[in-house]
Amino acid sequence: MPEKKIPDDAWAIAKARIEAMPSGLKMSIGSYGTLTKVELLEEIDKHSDIGKLIAEAQLDFLRRFKQRV
């Protein structure tokens, strides 16, 4: 299955949404474990597998929010 490309602006949106969260933020991401806000931002910057999950989740949230408004 071809990998889904995440547009640059989507990475920026995901990063901005995480940056806006409290500094003590910790997020559990399945088998990847619990990551701090700083670690989440690093994964987004690296465009890693975890970063992709975060970006996709943020975009999915915004799409669903838009559908309800």
N, C-alpha and C. Protein backbone atom coordinates (compact mmCIF):
# COMPACT_ATOMS: atom_id res chain seq x y z
N MET A 1 0.85 -1.18 0.00
CA MET A 1 0.00 0.00 0.00
C MET A 1 0.89 1.24 0.00
N PRO A 2 0.65 2.19 -0.92
CA PRO A 2 1.47 3.40 -0.96
C PRO A 2 1.28 4.25 0.29
N GLU A 3 2.38 4.87 0.70
CA GLU A 3 2.33 5.71 1.90
C GLU A 3 1.62 7.02 1.60
N LYS A 4 0.77 7.44 2.53
CA LYS A 4 0.01 8.67 2.38
C LYS A 4 0.92 9.86 2.66
N LYS A 5 1.01 10.79 1.71
CA LYS A 5 1.83 11.98 1.88
C LYS A 5 1.07 13.02 2.68
N ILE A 6 1.74 13.58 3.66
CA ILE A 6 1.15 14.63 4.48
C ILE A 6 1.69 15.96 3.97
N PRO A 7 0.82 16.87 3.54
CA PRO A 7 1.27 18.16 3.01
C PRO A 7 2.02 18.97 4.07
N ASP A 8 2.93 19.82 3.62
CA ASP A 8 3.74 20.64 4.53
C ASP A 8 2.88 21.49 5.46
N ASP A 9 1.79 22.04 4.93
CA ASP A 9 0.95 22.87 5.80
C ASP A 9 0.28 22.05 6.89
N ALA A 10 0.03 20.77 6.63
CA ALA A 10 -0.56 19.90 7.65
C ALA A 10 0.44 19.64 8.78
N TRP A 11 1.71 19.49 8.43
CA TRP A 11 2.75 19.34 9.47
C TRP A 11 2.78 20.60 10.33
N ALA A 12 2.71 21.75 9.69
CA ALA A 12 2.75 23.03 10.42
C ALA A 12 1.55 23.18 11.34
N ILE A 13 0.38 22.77 10.88
CA ILE A 13 -0.83 22.84 11.71
C ILE A 13 -0.70 21.92 12.92
N ALA A 14 -0.25 20.70 12.68
CA ALA A 14 -0.08 19.74 13.78
C ALA A 14 0.91 20.28 14.81
N LYS A 15 2.01 20.85 14.33
CA LYS A 15 3.02 21.40 15.24
C LYS A 15 2.44 22.57 16.05
N ALA A 16 1.73 23.45 15.39
CA ALA A 16 1.15 24.61 16.07
C ALA A 16 0.14 24.18 17.13
N ARG A 17 -0.65 23.14 16.83
CA ARG A 17 -1.64 22.67 17.81
C ARG A 17 -0.96 22.06 19.03
N ILE A 18 0.12 21.32 18.84
CA ILE A 18 0.85 20.75 19.97
C ILE A 18 1.55 21.86 20.75
N GLU A 19 2.14 22.83 20.05
CA GLU A 19 2.81 23.95 20.73
C GLU A 19 1.84 24.74 21.62
N ALA A 20 0.57 24.80 21.23
CA ALA A 20 -0.42 25.56 21.98
C ALA A 20 -0.88 24.83 23.25
N MET A 21 -0.51 23.59 23.39
CA MET A 21 -0.94 22.80 24.55
C MET A 21 -0.04 23.10 25.75
N PRO A 22 -0.52 22.79 26.96
CA PRO A 22 0.26 23.08 28.17
C PRO A 22 1.63 22.40 28.16
N SER A 23 2.61 23.04 28.82
CA SER A 23 3.98 22.53 28.81
C SER A 23 4.12 21.17 29.48
N GLY A 24 3.25 20.83 30.40
CA GLY A 24 3.32 19.55 31.09
C GLY A 24 2.63 18.41 30.35
N LEU A 25 2.22 18.66 29.11
CA LEU A 25 1.49 17.67 28.32
C LEU A 25 2.29 16.38 28.17
N LYS A 26 1.61 15.27 28.36
CA LYS A 26 2.15 13.94 28.04
C LYS A 26 1.05 13.22 27.30
N MET A 27 1.43 12.49 26.26
CA MET A 27 0.45 11.79 25.45
C MET A 27 0.90 10.34 25.28
N SER A 28 0.00 9.43 25.52
CA SER A 28 0.28 8.02 25.33
C SER A 28 -0.11 7.64 23.91
N ILE A 29 0.84 7.05 23.20
CA ILE A 29 0.59 6.68 21.81
C ILE A 29 0.86 5.18 21.65
N GLY A 30 -0.15 4.40 21.98
CA GLY A 30 -0.10 2.95 21.83
C GLY A 30 1.20 2.32 22.26
N SER A 31 1.76 1.49 21.40
CA SER A 31 2.99 0.75 21.71
C SER A 31 4.23 1.65 21.72
N TYR A 32 4.09 2.90 21.29
CA TYR A 32 5.22 3.83 21.31
C TYR A 32 5.48 4.37 22.71
N GLY A 33 4.51 4.25 23.60
CA GLY A 33 4.68 4.72 24.97
C GLY A 33 4.17 6.13 25.16
N THR A 34 4.57 6.73 26.28
CA THR A 34 4.15 8.08 26.64
C THR A 34 5.23 9.07 26.26
N LEU A 35 4.83 10.12 25.55
CA LEU A 35 5.78 11.14 25.10
C LEU A 35 5.42 12.49 25.69
N THR A 36 6.43 13.28 25.99
CA THR A 36 6.22 14.64 26.49
C THR A 36 5.93 15.56 25.30
N LYS A 37 5.54 16.77 25.61
CA LYS A 37 5.28 17.77 24.57
C LYS A 37 6.53 17.97 23.71
N VAL A 38 7.68 18.08 24.34
CA VAL A 38 8.94 18.27 23.61
C VAL A 38 9.21 17.09 22.68
N GLU A 39 8.99 15.89 23.17
CA GLU A 39 9.21 14.70 22.34
C GLU A 39 8.23 14.64 21.18
N LEU A 40 6.98 15.02 21.43
CA LEU A 40 5.98 15.05 20.35
C LEU A 40 6.42 16.02 19.25
N LEU A 41 6.88 17.20 19.65
CA LEU A 41 7.32 18.20 18.68
C LEU A 41 8.54 17.71 17.90
N GLU A 42 9.45 17.02 18.58
CA GLU A 42 10.62 16.46 17.89
C GLU A 42 10.21 15.44 16.84
N GLU A 43 9.24 14.59 17.18
CA GLU A 43 8.77 13.58 16.23
C GLU A 43 8.09 14.22 15.03
N ILE A 44 7.35 15.29 15.26
CA ILE A 44 6.73 16.02 14.15
C ILE A 44 7.81 16.62 13.26
N ASP A 45 8.82 17.24 13.87
CA ASP A 45 9.91 17.84 13.09
C ASP A 45 10.67 16.81 12.25
N LYS A 46 10.81 15.60 12.79
CA LYS A 46 11.53 14.53 12.07
C LYS A 46 10.66 13.85 11.01
N HIS A 47 9.36 14.12 11.04
CA HIS A 47 8.41 13.44 10.15
C HIS A 47 8.50 11.93 10.32
N SER A 48 8.69 11.52 11.57
CA SER A 48 8.81 10.09 11.89
C SER A 48 7.44 9.41 11.83
N ASP A 49 7.44 8.10 12.07
CA ASP A 49 6.18 7.37 12.10
C ASP A 49 5.26 7.93 13.19
N ILE A 50 5.83 8.24 14.35
CA ILE A 50 5.03 8.83 15.43
C ILE A 50 4.54 10.21 15.01
N GLY A 51 5.41 11.00 14.39
CA GLY A 51 5.02 12.32 13.91
C GLY A 51 3.87 12.25 12.93
N LYS A 52 3.90 11.24 12.05
CA LYS A 52 2.82 11.06 11.08
C LYS A 52 1.50 10.74 11.78
N LEU A 53 1.57 9.89 12.80
CA LEU A 53 0.35 9.57 13.57
C LEU A 53 -0.22 10.83 14.21
N ILE A 54 0.65 11.65 14.79
CA ILE A 54 0.20 12.88 15.44
C ILE A 54 -0.43 13.82 14.42
N ALA A 55 0.25 14.02 13.29
CA ALA A 55 -0.25 14.93 12.25
C ALA A 55 -1.59 14.43 11.71
N GLU A 56 -1.68 13.14 11.44
CA GLU A 56 -2.94 12.59 10.91
C GLU A 56 -4.07 12.72 11.93
N ALA A 57 -3.76 12.51 13.20
CA ALA A 57 -4.79 12.63 14.23
C ALA A 57 -5.28 14.07 14.36
N GLN A 58 -4.37 15.02 14.28
CA GLN A 58 -4.75 16.43 14.36
C GLN A 58 -5.62 16.82 13.17
N LEU A 59 -5.23 16.37 11.99
CA LEU A 59 -6.02 16.68 10.78
C LEU A 59 -7.39 16.02 10.83
N ASP A 60 -7.43 14.79 11.30
CA ASP A 60 -8.71 14.09 11.42
C ASP A 60 -9.63 14.82 12.39
N PHE A 61 -9.08 15.28 13.52
CA PHE A 61 -9.86 16.04 14.48
C PHE A 61 -10.45 17.29 13.82
N LEU A 62 -9.62 18.03 13.10
CA LEU A 62 -10.09 19.27 12.47
C LEU A 62 -11.15 19.01 11.41
N ARG A 63 -10.96 17.94 10.64
CA ARG A 63 -11.97 17.58 9.62
C ARG A 63 -13.31 17.26 10.27
N ARG A 64 -13.26 16.46 11.34
CA ARG A 64 -14.50 16.08 12.03
C ARG A 64 -15.15 17.28 12.70
N PHE A 65 -14.35 18.17 13.25
CA PHE A 65 -14.86 19.37 13.88
C PHE A 65 -15.59 20.24 12.84
N LYS A 66 -14.97 20.36 11.67
CA LYS A 66 -15.55 21.16 10.59
C LYS A 66 -16.91 20.58 10.16
N GLN A 67 -17.03 19.28 10.13
CA GLN A 67 -18.28 18.63 9.72
C GLN A 67 -19.40 18.90 10.71
N ARG A 68 -19.08 19.11 11.97
CA ARG A 68 -20.10 19.33 12.99
C ARG A 68 -20.51 20.79 13.13
N VAL A 69 -19.70 21.69 12.61
CA VAL A 69 -20.00 23.12 12.76
C VAL A 69 -20.95 23.57 11.70
